[in-house]
Amino acid sequence: MARLELNNLHAEVAEGDETILEGVDLEVQSGEIHALMGPNGSGKSTTAKVIAGHPAYEVTEGEVLLHLEDEEFGEDIEIDEDQRTWNLLDLEPNERAALGIFLGFQYPAEIEGVTMTNFLRTALNAKIEEREELFEDEEVEEEDDDEGFESSPMEGPADEGEIGVAEFQGILQEKMEQLEMDEKFAQRYLNAGFSGGEKKQNEVLQAAILEPSIAVLDEIDSGLDIDRLQDVSNGINALRDEQGTGILQITHYQRILDYVEPDHVHVMLDGQIAKSGGPELAEKLEDKGYDWVREEVYGTA
């Protein structure tokens, strides 16, 4: 189990004086689904990017903590007592990812010439290597690039990394079956020529491969028709049910919550969590909008 904890988080645009977050307090635990809702400009996407370490924002106050338990990474990594809590603000984005933070983008990039399979295996191996370095007491000796192959040349650069090509194919097939995705999907170039729905499915597939403790999904439902919405929702549910991932689902609308039922719903206004509740809160927001929350909290609509 892992727990992401935001305490009194303040942040502003890095190159400017515009303050976006005004004291965000939030906790997300493995196996939970949290919906973060709010009007445009309220700070939802900024919260996601600050958690992941986006350089466009500067944290001016508060902390972002990730609490880990002994069994978080199975038998591969032994977590010492002093390594169970990490302040993510002290870490680079790749280090945060290695510890189990995943950010699903609202507008995923397209990369021609890089297949989904190669991208995903490279990302998985990079995460494993980075995680081992974070928990390693002694420096790992660098390998000499000039040395020849110890065995067959067939195990050269194409098979570098802890997870080889053959093993990864098995992992990818398992995850795609879990998400009910067509195997041909993985042979295409990364997001190139993908529909909006396919790009969002790809974000969920990446999370399934990387097995994060906490996945922050930034408006993954935007632009989806009803069929793709159901496909993406099924994938999100699988992340929670099959892998125990904690989900922070950022959304404007209640409709995805018909398929991905949240344990907690939070309303963000003016850079703060103004109100929290259960699934019924999202339904009320769908009916009445956000003005009633503003009036209830601040005394003005």
Protein backbone atom coordinates (compact mmCIF):
# COMPACT_ATOMS: atom_id res chain seq x y z
CA MET A 1 0.00 0.00 0.00
CA ALA A 2 1.08 3.57 -0.68
CA ARG A 3 -0.36 6.93 0.28
CA LEU A 4 0.06 10.25 -1.50
CA GLU A 5 -0.32 13.23 0.81
CA LEU A 6 -0.56 16.90 -0.19
CA ASN A 7 -0.22 19.31 2.72
CA ASN A 8 -0.94 23.05 2.39
CA LEU A 9 0.38 23.01 -1.18
CA HIS A 10 0.94 26.42 -2.76
CA ALA A 11 2.28 26.82 -6.29
CA GLU A 12 2.71 29.50 -8.92
CA VAL A 13 3.77 29.72 -12.54
CA ALA A 14 7.55 29.38 -12.58
CA GLU A 15 8.19 32.30 -14.92
CA GLY A 16 5.78 34.87 -13.53
CA ASP A 17 3.95 35.81 -10.38
CA GLU A 18 0.61 34.11 -11.02
CA THR A 19 -0.38 31.98 -8.05
CA ILE A 20 -2.45 28.91 -8.94
CA LEU A 21 -2.61 26.70 -5.85
CA GLU A 22 -3.58 28.30 -2.55
CA GLY A 23 -3.17 25.57 0.04
CA VAL A 24 -4.25 22.17 -1.31
CA ASP A 25 -4.79 19.37 1.22
CA LEU A 26 -5.48 15.92 -0.22
CA GLU A 27 -4.73 12.25 0.46
CA VAL A 28 -4.99 9.37 -2.03
CA GLN A 29 -4.27 5.79 -1.02
CA SER A 30 -3.61 2.68 -3.10
CA GLY A 31 -6.83 0.97 -4.12
CA GLU A 32 -8.93 4.14 -3.84
CA ILE A 33 -10.50 6.21 -6.60
CA HIS A 34 -10.70 9.95 -6.01
CA ALA A 35 -12.45 12.33 -8.41
CA LEU A 36 -11.13 15.89 -8.48
CA MET A 37 -13.70 18.23 -10.04
CA GLY A 38 -13.98 21.97 -10.50
CA PRO A 39 -14.49 24.74 -13.05
CA ASN A 40 -11.85 25.79 -15.59
CA GLY A 41 -8.91 27.58 -13.99
CA SER A 42 -9.51 26.21 -10.52
CA GLY A 43 -6.12 24.47 -10.32
CA LYS A 44 -6.94 20.82 -11.09
CA SER A 45 -4.40 20.28 -13.87
CA THR A 46 -1.80 22.34 -12.02
CA THR A 47 -2.20 20.00 -9.04
CA ALA A 48 -1.56 17.01 -11.31
CA LYS A 49 1.52 18.57 -12.87
CA VAL A 50 2.98 19.65 -9.53
CA ILE A 51 2.63 16.09 -8.22
CA ALA A 52 4.52 14.80 -11.27
CA GLY A 53 7.20 17.53 -11.11
CA HIS A 54 6.38 19.68 -14.16
CA PRO A 55 8.99 22.48 -14.42
CA ALA A 56 6.41 25.09 -15.45
CA TYR A 57 5.29 25.43 -11.83
CA GLU A 58 7.14 26.39 -8.66
CA VAL A 59 6.01 25.22 -5.25
CA THR A 60 6.22 28.12 -2.78
CA GLU A 61 4.85 26.39 0.31
CA GLY A 62 3.69 22.97 1.53
CA GLU A 63 4.78 19.43 0.78
CA VAL A 64 3.95 16.43 -1.37
CA LEU A 65 4.69 13.20 0.48
CA LEU A 66 4.61 9.60 -0.70
CA HIS A 67 4.38 7.00 2.06
CA LEU A 68 5.42 3.45 1.17
CA GLU A 69 5.03 0.17 3.01
CA ASP A 70 7.42 -2.79 3.11
CA GLU A 71 5.70 -4.83 0.42
CA GLU A 72 5.18 -1.98 -2.06
CA PHE A 73 7.66 -3.36 -4.62
CA GLY A 74 7.38 -7.01 -3.69
CA GLU A 75 10.55 -8.97 -2.98
CA ASP A 76 12.63 -7.01 -5.47
CA ILE A 77 13.20 -4.00 -3.22
CA GLU A 78 13.74 -3.95 0.53
CA ILE A 79 12.47 -0.67 1.99
CA ASP A 80 14.33 0.54 5.08
CA GLU A 81 12.58 2.49 7.81
CA ASP A 82 14.06 5.79 6.62
CA GLN A 83 12.96 5.13 3.04
CA ARG A 84 9.25 4.76 3.69
CA THR A 85 8.39 8.44 3.33
CA TRP A 86 9.62 10.58 0.43
CA ASN A 87 9.09 14.28 -0.17
CA LEU A 88 8.43 14.30 -3.89
CA LEU A 89 9.36 17.97 -4.13
CA ASP A 90 12.98 16.93 -3.54
CA LEU A 91 12.93 14.50 -6.48
CA GLU A 92 13.13 14.73 -10.26
CA PRO A 93 10.10 13.62 -12.33
CA ASN A 94 11.82 10.34 -13.31
CA GLU A 95 12.52 9.58 -9.65
CA ARG A 96 8.89 10.24 -8.72
CA ALA A 97 7.84 7.86 -11.48
CA ALA A 98 10.24 5.22 -10.19
CA LEU A 99 8.62 5.45 -6.75
CA GLY A 100 5.20 4.80 -8.24
CA ILE A 101 3.72 8.11 -9.47
CA PHE A 102 2.10 8.13 -12.91
CA LEU A 103 0.63 11.08 -14.82
CA GLY A 104 -1.79 10.41 -17.66
CA PHE A 105 -1.77 13.41 -19.97
CA GLN A 106 -4.82 15.24 -21.27
CA TYR A 107 -3.07 15.74 -24.62
CA PRO A 108 -0.58 12.86 -25.17
CA ALA A 109 2.29 13.52 -27.58
CA GLU A 110 2.63 11.76 -30.94
CA ILE A 111 6.03 10.21 -31.77
CA GLU A 112 6.57 8.87 -35.29
CA GLY A 113 9.04 6.02 -35.71
CA VAL A 114 8.79 4.68 -32.16
CA THR A 115 6.52 1.68 -31.75
CA MET A 116 4.30 1.31 -28.74
CA THR A 117 6.11 -1.91 -27.81
CA ASN A 118 9.59 -0.35 -27.82
CA PHE A 119 8.41 2.72 -25.97
CA LEU A 120 6.67 0.76 -23.23
CA ARG A 121 9.55 -1.69 -22.68
CA THR A 122 12.05 1.18 -22.54
CA ALA A 123 9.86 3.02 -20.03
CA LEU A 124 9.48 -0.07 -17.85
CA ASN A 125 13.21 -0.82 -17.81
CA ALA A 126 14.01 2.83 -17.07
CA LYS A 127 11.63 2.78 -14.11
CA ILE A 128 13.14 -0.44 -12.72
CA GLU A 129 16.69 0.88 -13.07
CA GLU A 130 15.83 4.24 -11.49
CA ARG A 131 14.01 2.58 -8.59
CA GLU A 132 16.96 0.28 -7.86
CA GLU A 133 19.27 3.31 -7.76
CA LEU A 134 16.97 5.16 -5.35
CA PHE A 135 17.01 2.26 -2.90
CA GLU A 136 20.62 1.25 -3.48
CA ASP A 137 23.00 2.05 -0.61
CA GLU A 138 26.14 1.74 -2.68
CA GLU A 139 26.82 3.22 -6.08
CA VAL A 140 26.29 0.81 -8.93
CA GLU A 141 29.39 0.27 -11.02
CA GLU A 142 29.00 1.47 -14.58
CA GLU A 143 29.38 -1.16 -17.25
CA ASP A 144 32.09 -0.75 -19.84
CA ASP A 145 30.37 -0.02 -23.13
CA ASP A 146 33.41 -1.26 -25.01
CA GLU A 147 33.05 -4.80 -23.73
CA GLY A 148 31.68 -7.36 -26.17
CA PHE A 149 28.63 -9.49 -25.66
CA GLU A 150 29.05 -12.15 -23.00
CA SER A 151 26.87 -14.54 -24.94
CA SER A 152 25.11 -14.36 -28.28
CA PRO A 153 25.13 -11.13 -30.34
CA MET A 154 21.36 -11.70 -30.58
CA GLU A 155 21.21 -10.43 -26.98
CA GLY A 156 22.75 -7.11 -27.88
CA PRO A 157 21.28 -3.59 -27.69
CA ALA A 158 17.81 -4.72 -28.78
CA ASP A 159 17.58 -6.83 -25.65
CA GLU A 160 19.15 -4.44 -23.13
CA GLY A 161 17.50 -3.84 -19.80
CA GLU A 162 16.27 -6.08 -17.01
CA ILE A 163 13.14 -6.97 -18.95
CA GLY A 164 14.15 -8.52 -22.28
CA VAL A 165 12.13 -8.51 -25.47
CA ALA A 166 10.65 -11.98 -25.06
CA GLU A 167 9.67 -11.45 -21.43
CA PHE A 168 8.15 -8.08 -22.21
CA GLN A 169 6.01 -9.53 -24.98
CA GLY A 170 4.40 -11.77 -22.38
CA ILE A 171 3.81 -8.85 -20.02
CA LEU A 172 2.34 -6.72 -22.80
CA GLN A 173 0.01 -9.48 -23.96
CA GLU A 174 -1.23 -10.04 -20.42
CA LYS A 175 -1.91 -6.34 -19.86
CA MET A 176 -3.64 -5.88 -23.20
CA GLU A 177 -5.89 -8.83 -22.48
CA GLN A 178 -6.62 -7.38 -19.06
CA LEU A 179 -7.66 -4.11 -20.72
CA GLU A 180 -9.43 -5.89 -23.62
CA MET A 181 -7.25 -4.17 -26.23
CA ASP A 182 -6.41 -5.35 -29.74
CA GLU A 183 -2.81 -6.68 -29.90
CA LYS A 184 -2.24 -4.83 -33.20
CA PHE A 185 -2.43 -1.63 -31.18
CA ALA A 186 1.09 -2.21 -29.82
CA GLN A 187 2.73 -2.37 -33.25
CA ARG A 188 1.72 1.16 -34.21
CA TYR A 189 3.87 4.24 -33.66
CA LEU A 190 3.31 6.00 -30.35
CA ASN A 191 -0.01 7.87 -30.66
CA ALA A 192 0.72 8.65 -34.32
CA GLY A 193 -2.56 8.69 -36.22
CA PHE A 194 -4.44 7.63 -33.09
CA SER A 195 -7.93 8.89 -32.43
CA GLY A 196 -8.54 10.79 -29.22
CA GLY A 197 -10.01 7.68 -27.65
CA GLU A 198 -7.07 5.50 -28.70
CA LYS A 199 -4.62 7.98 -27.16
CA LYS A 200 -6.48 7.82 -23.86
CA GLN A 201 -6.55 4.00 -24.00
CA ASN A 202 -2.81 4.12 -24.55
CA GLU A 203 -2.40 6.20 -21.38
CA VAL A 204 -4.23 3.51 -19.42
CA LEU A 205 -2.07 0.80 -21.04
CA GLN A 206 1.07 2.65 -20.00
CA ALA A 207 -0.20 2.74 -16.43
CA ALA A 208 -0.98 -0.97 -16.57
CA ILE A 209 2.57 -1.74 -17.76
CA LEU A 210 4.32 0.53 -15.24
CA GLU A 211 2.05 -0.55 -12.34
CA PRO A 212 2.14 2.74 -10.40
CA SER A 213 1.05 3.02 -6.80
CA ILE A 214 -0.79 6.26 -7.59
CA ALA A 215 -2.03 7.25 -11.06
CA VAL A 216 -3.07 10.85 -11.71
CA LEU A 217 -5.32 10.96 -14.78
CA ASP A 218 -5.79 14.47 -16.11
CA GLU A 219 -9.16 14.73 -17.91
CA ILE A 220 -8.71 11.35 -19.55
CA ASP A 221 -12.41 11.43 -20.45
CA SER A 222 -12.25 14.60 -22.52
CA GLY A 223 -13.29 14.18 -26.15
CA LEU A 224 -14.42 10.55 -25.82
CA ASP A 225 -17.55 9.13 -27.38
CA ILE A 226 -19.62 6.74 -25.29
CA ASP A 227 -17.93 3.58 -26.58
CA ARG A 228 -14.39 4.83 -25.93
CA LEU A 229 -15.49 6.24 -22.60
CA GLN A 230 -16.58 2.76 -21.54
CA ASP A 231 -13.34 1.22 -22.82
CA VAL A 232 -11.19 3.73 -20.94
CA SER A 233 -13.34 3.39 -17.81
CA ASN A 234 -12.98 -0.39 -17.87
CA GLY A 235 -9.23 0.08 -18.04
CA ILE A 236 -9.21 2.45 -15.06
CA ASN A 237 -11.29 0.01 -13.03
CA ALA A 238 -8.82 -2.74 -13.93
CA LEU A 239 -5.92 -0.64 -12.66
CA ARG A 240 -7.62 -0.39 -9.29
CA ASP A 241 -9.08 -3.91 -9.12
CA GLU A 242 -6.22 -5.92 -10.64
CA GLN A 243 -3.20 -3.88 -9.55
CA GLY A 244 -4.40 -1.98 -6.50
CA THR A 245 -3.49 1.37 -8.03
CA GLY A 246 -4.80 4.50 -6.35
CA ILE A 247 -6.50 6.79 -8.87
CA LEU A 248 -6.78 10.57 -8.81
CA GLN A 249 -9.24 11.19 -11.64
CA ILE A 250 -9.42 14.83 -12.73
CA THR A 251 -12.59 15.60 -14.64
CA HIS A 252 -15.12 18.30 -15.43
CA TYR A 253 -18.05 15.97 -15.83
CA GLN A 254 -19.91 13.35 -13.89
CA ARG A 255 -20.38 11.04 -16.87
CA ILE A 256 -17.14 9.05 -16.46
CA LEU A 257 -18.08 8.53 -12.82
CA ASP A 258 -21.07 6.49 -14.02
CA TYR A 259 -18.49 3.88 -15.08
CA VAL A 260 -15.65 4.59 -12.64
CA GLU A 261 -17.34 4.97 -9.28
CA PRO A 262 -15.21 7.09 -6.96
CA ASP A 263 -14.71 6.46 -3.28
CA HIS A 264 -14.23 10.18 -2.73
CA VAL A 265 -15.15 13.32 -4.69
CA HIS A 266 -13.36 16.64 -4.17
CA VAL A 267 -14.37 20.06 -5.48
CA MET A 268 -11.57 22.50 -6.26
CA LEU A 269 -12.27 26.23 -6.30
CA ASP A 270 -9.70 29.02 -6.54
CA GLY A 271 -6.73 26.75 -5.94
CA GLN A 272 -8.12 24.94 -2.89
CA ILE A 273 -10.15 21.83 -2.10
CA ALA A 274 -13.38 23.58 -1.14
CA LYS A 275 -15.54 20.52 -0.43
CA SER A 276 -15.24 16.72 -0.30
CA GLY A 277 -17.82 13.96 -0.20
CA GLY A 278 -18.93 10.68 -1.73
CA PRO A 279 -20.25 9.83 -5.22
CA GLU A 280 -23.47 11.73 -4.49
CA LEU A 281 -21.47 14.98 -4.51
CA ALA A 282 -20.60 14.50 -8.20
CA GLU A 283 -24.26 13.94 -9.02
CA LYS A 284 -25.23 17.15 -7.24
CA LEU A 285 -22.55 19.06 -9.15
CA GLU A 286 -23.96 17.69 -12.40
CA ASP A 287 -27.40 19.00 -11.49
CA LYS A 288 -26.52 22.32 -9.86
CA GLY A 289 -23.05 23.31 -11.06
CA TYR A 290 -20.43 24.86 -8.77
CA ASP A 291 -22.06 28.10 -7.62
CA TRP A 292 -23.78 26.44 -4.67
CA VAL A 293 -20.42 25.17 -3.42
CA ARG A 294 -18.90 28.63 -3.66
CA GLU A 295 -21.87 30.12 -1.83
CA GLU A 296 -21.77 27.44 0.85
CA VAL A 297 -18.02 27.77 1.44
CA TYR A 298 -17.39 31.45 0.83
CA GLY A 299 -20.84 32.93 1.29
CA THR A 300 -20.95 34.24 -2.28
CA ALA A 301 -21.80 32.71 -5.66
